[in-house]
């Protein structure tokens, strides 16, 4: 019997399917998408924070619950918690998805230039809007 899969919205480095595969995670049904009402915040790690009028881009993948548990059970990721969101694919479809966010957003003075640079490269590779890519700092 095949394990049931759920859609997850990934806005950080996990949006790169190659990174997921390096962790022995097999993403299925990749879709470029965005979440309205959320802004990307990068401190030591990335998270989404509610923000009126904002839009965060990422990828939706279908993953098993076991795969999600393995991803977010890894050292350094224990503070992420799943939240239900509505993602919109770039072709206009709406779908419910799990989105893992930090319980507490990074402080305004927190930064991670290396992570931001790697994320910009992933966004470019996936063909997301140039203005969004430029905003990632």
N, C-alpha and C. Protein backbone atom coordinates (compact mmCIF):
# COMPACT_ATOMS: atom_id res chain seq x y z
N UNK A 1 0.84 -1.17 0.00
CA UNK A 1 0.00 0.00 0.00
C UNK A 1 0.89 1.25 0.00
N UNK A 2 0.55 2.21 -0.82
CA UNK A 2 1.32 3.45 -0.92
C UNK A 2 0.91 4.40 0.19
N UNK A 3 1.90 5.03 0.80
CA UNK A 3 1.61 6.00 1.86
C UNK A 3 0.98 7.25 1.26
N UNK A 4 -0.06 7.71 1.92
CA UNK A 4 -0.77 8.90 1.47
C UNK A 4 0.17 10.10 1.49
N UNK A 5 0.01 10.99 0.53
CA UNK A 5 0.83 12.19 0.44
C UNK A 5 -0.04 13.42 0.64
N UNK A 6 0.60 14.45 1.19
CA UNK A 6 -0.07 15.73 1.39
C UNK A 6 0.76 16.81 0.70
N UNK A 7 0.10 17.88 0.32
CA UNK A 7 0.81 18.98 -0.31
C UNK A 7 1.47 19.84 0.75
N UNK A 8 2.73 20.16 0.52
CA UNK A 8 3.48 21.07 1.38
C UNK A 8 3.97 22.24 0.56
N UNK A 9 3.89 23.44 1.14
CA UNK A 9 4.39 24.65 0.49
C UNK A 9 5.76 24.97 1.08
N UNK A 10 6.78 25.00 0.22
CA UNK A 10 8.15 25.22 0.66
C UNK A 10 8.65 26.54 0.07
N UNK A 11 9.10 27.43 0.93
CA UNK A 11 9.49 28.79 0.55
C UNK A 11 10.98 29.04 0.75
N UNK A 12 11.68 28.10 1.38
CA UNK A 12 13.11 28.24 1.64
C UNK A 12 13.89 27.28 0.75
N UNK A 13 15.03 26.85 1.21
CA UNK A 13 15.89 26.00 0.39
C UNK A 13 15.26 24.65 0.06
N UNK A 14 14.28 24.21 0.85
CA UNK A 14 13.61 22.94 0.54
C UNK A 14 12.76 23.04 -0.72
N UNK A 15 12.62 24.23 -1.29
CA UNK A 15 11.88 24.32 -2.56
C UNK A 15 12.69 23.73 -3.71
N UNK A 16 13.97 23.49 -3.48
CA UNK A 16 14.84 22.88 -4.48
C UNK A 16 14.75 21.36 -4.33
N UNK A 17 14.12 20.71 -5.29
CA UNK A 17 13.91 19.26 -5.22
C UNK A 17 15.23 18.50 -5.08
N UNK A 18 16.32 19.05 -5.63
CA UNK A 18 17.62 18.37 -5.50
C UNK A 18 18.05 18.31 -4.03
N UNK A 19 17.79 19.36 -3.27
CA UNK A 19 18.12 19.36 -1.84
C UNK A 19 17.28 18.34 -1.10
N UNK A 20 16.01 18.22 -1.46
CA UNK A 20 15.15 17.20 -0.83
C UNK A 20 15.68 15.80 -1.14
N UNK A 21 16.06 15.58 -2.37
CA UNK A 21 16.57 14.25 -2.76
C UNK A 21 17.85 13.90 -2.01
N UNK A 22 18.70 14.91 -1.73
CA UNK A 22 19.92 14.66 -0.95
C UNK A 22 19.58 14.15 0.45
N UNK A 23 18.38 14.47 0.94
CA UNK A 23 17.92 13.99 2.25
C UNK A 23 17.05 12.74 2.11
N UNK A 24 17.13 12.07 0.96
CA UNK A 24 16.34 10.87 0.68
C UNK A 24 14.84 11.14 0.75
N UNK A 25 14.43 12.34 0.36
CA UNK A 25 13.02 12.71 0.26
C UNK A 25 12.67 12.75 -1.22
N UNK A 26 11.57 12.10 -1.59
CA UNK A 26 11.15 12.05 -2.99
C UNK A 26 9.92 12.95 -3.16
N UNK A 27 10.14 14.19 -3.64
CA UNK A 27 9.00 15.07 -3.85
C UNK A 27 8.24 14.68 -5.12
N UNK A 28 6.94 14.78 -5.05
CA UNK A 28 6.10 14.46 -6.21
C UNK A 28 5.24 15.67 -6.56
N UNK A 29 4.80 15.70 -7.80
CA UNK A 29 3.87 16.70 -8.30
C UNK A 29 4.34 18.14 -7.99
N UNK A 30 5.51 18.54 -8.47
CA UNK A 30 6.02 19.89 -8.19
C UNK A 30 5.20 20.96 -8.89
N UNK A 31 4.89 22.03 -8.15
CA UNK A 31 4.15 23.15 -8.69
C UNK A 31 4.71 24.45 -8.14
N UNK A 32 5.03 25.41 -9.03
CA UNK A 32 5.43 26.74 -8.57
C UNK A 32 4.19 27.43 -8.05
N UNK A 33 4.34 28.12 -6.92
CA UNK A 33 3.16 28.68 -6.26
C UNK A 33 3.54 29.90 -5.44
N UNK A 34 2.51 30.51 -4.85
CA UNK A 34 2.72 31.62 -3.93
C UNK A 34 1.66 31.57 -2.84
N UNK A 35 1.95 32.27 -1.76
CA UNK A 35 1.00 32.39 -0.64
C UNK A 35 0.79 33.88 -0.40
N UNK A 36 -0.42 34.33 -0.60
CA UNK A 36 -0.75 35.73 -0.32
C UNK A 36 -0.90 35.94 1.18
N UNK A 37 -0.56 37.15 1.62
CA UNK A 37 -0.71 37.48 3.03
C UNK A 37 0.45 37.04 3.89
N UNK A 38 1.55 36.62 3.25
CA UNK A 38 2.75 36.19 3.99
C UNK A 38 3.98 36.85 3.38
N UNK A 39 4.92 37.20 4.24
CA UNK A 39 6.20 37.75 3.80
C UNK A 39 7.32 36.84 4.29
N UNK A 40 8.35 36.72 3.47
CA UNK A 40 9.53 35.94 3.83
C UNK A 40 10.37 36.75 4.80
N UNK A 41 10.82 36.10 5.87
CA UNK A 41 11.74 36.74 6.82
C UNK A 41 12.91 35.78 7.01
N UNK A 42 14.12 36.28 6.79
CA UNK A 42 15.31 35.46 6.95
C UNK A 42 16.12 35.97 8.13
N UNK A 43 16.33 35.08 9.09
CA UNK A 43 17.25 35.31 10.19
C UNK A 43 18.32 34.24 10.03
N UNK A 44 18.59 33.51 11.10
CA UNK A 44 19.48 32.36 10.93
C UNK A 44 18.84 31.37 9.99
N UNK A 45 17.53 31.29 10.02
CA UNK A 45 16.75 30.45 9.12
C UNK A 45 15.62 31.29 8.53
N UNK A 46 14.93 30.75 7.56
CA UNK A 46 13.82 31.45 6.92
C UNK A 46 12.50 31.05 7.56
N UNK A 47 11.54 31.96 7.52
CA UNK A 47 10.17 31.67 7.94
C UNK A 47 9.25 32.62 7.18
N UNK A 48 7.97 32.31 7.20
CA UNK A 48 6.97 33.22 6.68
C UNK A 48 6.26 33.86 7.85
N UNK A 49 5.95 35.14 7.69
CA UNK A 49 5.21 35.87 8.71
C UNK A 49 3.98 36.49 8.06
N UNK A 50 2.86 36.53 8.78
CA UNK A 50 1.68 37.18 8.21
C UNK A 50 1.97 38.65 7.91
N UNK A 51 1.54 39.11 6.74
CA UNK A 51 1.76 40.50 6.33
C UNK A 51 0.73 40.88 5.28
N UNK A 52 -0.12 41.82 5.61
CA UNK A 52 -1.14 42.28 4.65
C UNK A 52 -0.49 42.75 3.36
N UNK A 53 -1.03 42.31 2.24
CA UNK A 53 -0.57 42.74 0.94
C UNK A 53 0.70 42.08 0.45
N UNK A 54 1.30 41.22 1.26
CA UNK A 54 2.55 40.57 0.87
C UNK A 54 2.26 39.28 0.10
N UNK A 55 3.30 38.79 -0.57
CA UNK A 55 3.22 37.53 -1.30
C UNK A 55 4.56 36.83 -1.19
N UNK A 56 4.53 35.57 -0.81
CA UNK A 56 5.74 34.75 -0.73
C UNK A 56 5.64 33.65 -1.78
N UNK A 57 6.72 33.45 -2.51
CA UNK A 57 6.77 32.44 -3.55
C UNK A 57 7.47 31.19 -3.05
N UNK A 58 7.11 30.06 -3.66
CA UNK A 58 7.75 28.80 -3.30
C UNK A 58 7.24 27.68 -4.17
N UNK A 59 7.52 26.47 -3.73
CA UNK A 59 7.10 25.28 -4.45
C UNK A 59 6.16 24.46 -3.59
N UNK A 60 5.18 23.87 -4.24
CA UNK A 60 4.31 22.89 -3.59
C UNK A 60 4.75 21.52 -4.10
N UNK A 61 4.98 20.62 -3.15
CA UNK A 61 5.31 19.24 -3.46
C UNK A 61 4.36 18.35 -2.67
N UNK A 62 4.04 17.19 -3.23
CA UNK A 62 3.31 16.17 -2.51
C UNK A 62 4.35 15.27 -1.83
N UNK A 63 4.25 15.18 -0.50
CA UNK A 63 5.17 14.37 0.30
C UNK A 63 4.39 13.52 1.29
N UNK A 64 5.00 12.43 1.71
CA UNK A 64 4.37 11.60 2.74
C UNK A 64 4.54 12.28 4.10
N UNK A 65 3.71 11.90 5.04
CA UNK A 65 3.85 12.41 6.41
C UNK A 65 5.20 12.01 6.98
N UNK A 66 5.65 10.80 6.66
CA UNK A 66 6.95 10.34 7.14
C UNK A 66 8.06 11.25 6.62
N UNK A 67 7.99 11.63 5.34
CA UNK A 67 9.01 12.51 4.77
C UNK A 67 9.00 13.87 5.46
N UNK A 68 7.82 14.40 5.72
CA UNK A 68 7.74 15.70 6.42
C UNK A 68 8.31 15.58 7.83
N UNK A 69 8.00 14.48 8.51
CA UNK A 69 8.55 14.27 9.87
C UNK A 69 10.07 14.20 9.83
N UNK A 70 10.62 13.51 8.83
CA UNK A 70 12.08 13.40 8.72
C UNK A 70 12.72 14.76 8.42
N UNK A 71 12.10 15.51 7.52
CA UNK A 71 12.65 16.83 7.18
C UNK A 71 12.71 17.74 8.39
N UNK A 72 11.58 17.87 9.07
CA UNK A 72 11.48 18.85 10.15
C UNK A 72 11.86 18.28 11.51
N UNK A 73 12.30 17.03 11.54
CA UNK A 73 12.85 16.46 12.75
C UNK A 73 14.37 16.52 12.77
N UNK A 74 14.93 17.04 11.69
CA UNK A 74 16.40 17.15 11.59
C UNK A 74 16.92 18.20 12.56
N UNK A 75 18.15 18.04 13.02
CA UNK A 75 18.73 19.02 13.95
C UNK A 75 18.65 20.44 13.39
N UNK A 76 18.21 21.35 14.25
CA UNK A 76 18.08 22.76 13.88
C UNK A 76 16.73 23.14 13.31
N UNK A 77 15.89 22.14 13.03
CA UNK A 77 14.58 22.43 12.43
C UNK A 77 13.42 22.12 13.37
N UNK A 78 13.73 21.78 14.62
CA UNK A 78 12.70 21.35 15.56
C UNK A 78 11.70 22.45 15.91
N UNK A 79 12.07 23.71 15.72
CA UNK A 79 11.18 24.80 16.08
C UNK A 79 10.15 25.13 15.01
N UNK A 80 10.23 24.47 13.87
CA UNK A 80 9.23 24.69 12.82
C UNK A 80 7.97 23.90 13.14
N UNK A 81 6.83 24.52 12.89
CA UNK A 81 5.53 23.88 13.13
C UNK A 81 4.68 24.01 11.87
N UNK A 82 3.86 22.98 11.58
CA UNK A 82 3.01 23.04 10.38
C UNK A 82 1.82 23.97 10.59
N UNK A 83 1.51 24.70 9.55
CA UNK A 83 0.32 25.55 9.52
C UNK A 83 -0.39 25.28 8.21
N UNK A 84 -1.70 25.31 8.25
CA UNK A 84 -2.48 25.15 7.03
C UNK A 84 -2.58 26.50 6.33
N UNK A 85 -2.29 26.50 5.03
CA UNK A 85 -2.43 27.72 4.24
C UNK A 85 -3.14 27.38 2.94
N UNK A 86 -3.51 28.42 2.22
CA UNK A 86 -4.00 28.26 0.85
C UNK A 86 -2.90 28.78 -0.06
N UNK A 87 -2.39 27.90 -0.90
CA UNK A 87 -1.38 28.29 -1.89
C UNK A 87 -2.08 28.44 -3.24
N UNK A 88 -1.52 29.29 -4.07
CA UNK A 88 -2.02 29.45 -5.43
C UNK A 88 -0.89 29.11 -6.38
N UNK A 89 -1.16 28.19 -7.28
CA UNK A 89 -0.15 27.86 -8.28
C UNK A 89 -0.05 29.01 -9.28
N UNK A 90 1.06 29.06 -10.00
CA UNK A 90 1.23 30.14 -10.98
C UNK A 90 0.25 30.04 -12.13
N UNK A 91 -0.40 28.89 -12.29
CA UNK A 91 -1.44 28.80 -13.32
C UNK A 91 -2.83 29.10 -12.77
N UNK A 92 -2.91 29.54 -11.49
CA UNK A 92 -4.16 30.04 -10.94
C UNK A 92 -4.95 29.11 -10.05
N UNK A 93 -4.53 27.86 -9.90
CA UNK A 93 -5.26 26.93 -9.03
C UNK A 93 -4.99 27.25 -7.56
N UNK A 94 -6.02 27.13 -6.73
CA UNK A 94 -5.88 27.27 -5.27
C UNK A 94 -5.87 25.88 -4.67
N UNK A 95 -5.03 25.70 -3.64
CA UNK A 95 -5.01 24.41 -2.98
C UNK A 95 -4.56 24.56 -1.54
N UNK A 96 -5.11 23.73 -0.66
CA UNK A 96 -4.64 23.75 0.73
C UNK A 96 -3.29 23.06 0.80
N UNK A 97 -2.43 23.58 1.66
CA UNK A 97 -1.09 23.00 1.81
C UNK A 97 -0.61 23.21 3.23
N UNK A 98 0.28 22.33 3.68
CA UNK A 98 0.97 22.55 4.94
C UNK A 98 2.19 23.42 4.67
N UNK A 99 2.42 24.34 5.58
CA UNK A 99 3.57 25.23 5.48
C UNK A 99 4.23 25.25 6.85
N UNK A 100 5.51 24.92 6.90
CA UNK A 100 6.22 24.86 8.17
C UNK A 100 6.89 26.20 8.44
N UNK A 101 6.53 26.79 9.59
CA UNK A 101 7.06 28.10 9.98
C UNK A 101 7.61 28.04 11.39
N UNK A 102 8.52 28.96 11.66
CA UNK A 102 9.04 29.10 13.02
C UNK A 102 7.94 29.63 13.93
N UNK A 103 7.96 29.19 15.18
CA UNK A 103 6.99 29.69 16.16
C UNK A 103 7.16 31.18 16.37
N UNK A 104 8.40 31.62 16.34
CA UNK A 104 8.71 33.03 16.56
C UNK A 104 9.58 33.52 15.41
N UNK A 105 9.19 34.64 14.81
CA UNK A 105 9.94 35.20 13.69
C UNK A 105 11.32 35.66 14.16
N UNK A 106 12.28 35.63 13.26
CA UNK A 106 13.61 36.14 13.60
C UNK A 106 13.55 37.61 14.02
N UNK A 107 14.45 38.00 14.88
CA UNK A 107 14.54 39.40 15.30
C UNK A 107 14.93 40.25 14.09
N UNK A 108 14.53 41.52 14.08
CA UNK A 108 14.84 42.39 12.93
C UNK A 108 16.34 42.50 12.62
N UNK A 109 17.19 42.33 13.63
CA UNK A 109 18.63 42.46 13.39
C UNK A 109 19.30 41.14 13.01
N UNK A 110 18.52 40.05 12.96
CA UNK A 110 19.07 38.76 12.54
C UNK A 110 19.21 38.73 11.03
N UNK A 111 20.26 38.12 10.55
CA UNK A 111 20.46 37.99 9.10
C UNK A 111 21.31 36.76 8.82
N UNK A 112 21.22 36.30 7.58
CA UNK A 112 22.04 35.18 7.14
C UNK A 112 22.29 35.38 5.65
N UNK A 113 23.34 36.12 5.33
CA UNK A 113 23.63 36.48 3.94
C UNK A 113 23.87 35.25 3.07
N UNK A 114 24.53 34.21 3.61
CA UNK A 114 24.78 33.00 2.84
C UNK A 114 23.48 32.31 2.47
N UNK A 115 22.58 32.18 3.45
CA UNK A 115 21.28 31.54 3.18
C UNK A 115 20.52 32.34 2.12
N UNK A 116 20.48 33.66 2.27
CA UNK A 116 19.76 34.51 1.32
C UNK A 116 20.32 34.34 -0.09
N UNK A 117 21.63 34.28 -0.23
CA UNK A 117 22.25 34.10 -1.55
C UNK A 117 21.88 32.75 -2.14
N UNK A 118 21.92 31.70 -1.33
CA UNK A 118 21.54 30.37 -1.81
C UNK A 118 20.06 30.33 -2.21
N UNK A 119 19.22 31.02 -1.44
CA UNK A 119 17.80 31.06 -1.75
C UNK A 119 17.55 31.83 -3.05
N UNK A 120 18.25 32.93 -3.27
CA UNK A 120 18.10 33.66 -4.53
C UNK A 120 18.47 32.77 -5.71
N UNK A 121 19.55 31.98 -5.57
CA UNK A 121 19.94 31.06 -6.65
C UNK A 121 18.84 30.03 -6.91
N UNK A 122 18.24 29.49 -5.85
CA UNK A 122 17.16 28.51 -6.02
C UNK A 122 15.95 29.14 -6.71
N UNK A 123 15.61 30.36 -6.30
CA UNK A 123 14.47 31.05 -6.92
C UNK A 123 14.73 31.32 -8.40
N UNK A 124 15.96 31.71 -8.73
CA UNK A 124 16.32 31.94 -10.14
C UNK A 124 16.22 30.64 -10.93
N UNK A 125 16.76 29.57 -10.38
CA UNK A 125 16.73 28.26 -11.04
C UNK A 125 15.30 27.82 -11.34
N UNK A 126 14.38 28.18 -10.45
CA UNK A 126 12.98 27.77 -10.60
C UNK A 126 12.14 28.76 -11.40
N UNK A 127 12.74 29.89 -11.79
CA UNK A 127 12.04 30.83 -12.66
C UNK A 127 11.02 31.72 -11.98
N UNK A 128 11.27 32.10 -10.74
CA UNK A 128 10.33 32.99 -10.04
C UNK A 128 10.58 34.44 -10.46
N UNK A 129 9.62 35.34 -10.18
CA UNK A 129 9.75 36.74 -10.62
C UNK A 129 11.01 37.42 -10.12
N UNK A 130 11.64 38.17 -11.00
CA UNK A 130 12.91 38.85 -10.69
C UNK A 130 12.77 39.82 -9.54
N UNK A 131 11.64 40.53 -9.44
CA UNK A 131 11.49 41.49 -8.34
C UNK A 131 11.41 40.78 -6.99
N UNK A 132 10.81 39.60 -6.95
CA UNK A 132 10.78 38.84 -5.70
C UNK A 132 12.19 38.36 -5.35
N UNK A 133 12.90 37.84 -6.33
CA UNK A 133 14.25 37.35 -6.09
C UNK A 133 15.12 38.48 -5.55
N UNK A 134 15.02 39.66 -6.13
CA UNK A 134 15.82 40.81 -5.70
C UNK A 134 15.48 41.24 -4.27
N UNK A 135 14.25 40.95 -3.83
CA UNK A 135 13.83 41.36 -2.48
C UNK A 135 14.36 40.45 -1.38
N UNK A 136 14.89 39.29 -1.75
CA UNK A 136 15.37 38.34 -0.75
C UNK A 136 16.72 38.80 -0.23
N UNK A 137 16.73 39.16 1.06
CA UNK A 137 17.96 39.68 1.66
C UNK A 137 18.24 39.00 2.99
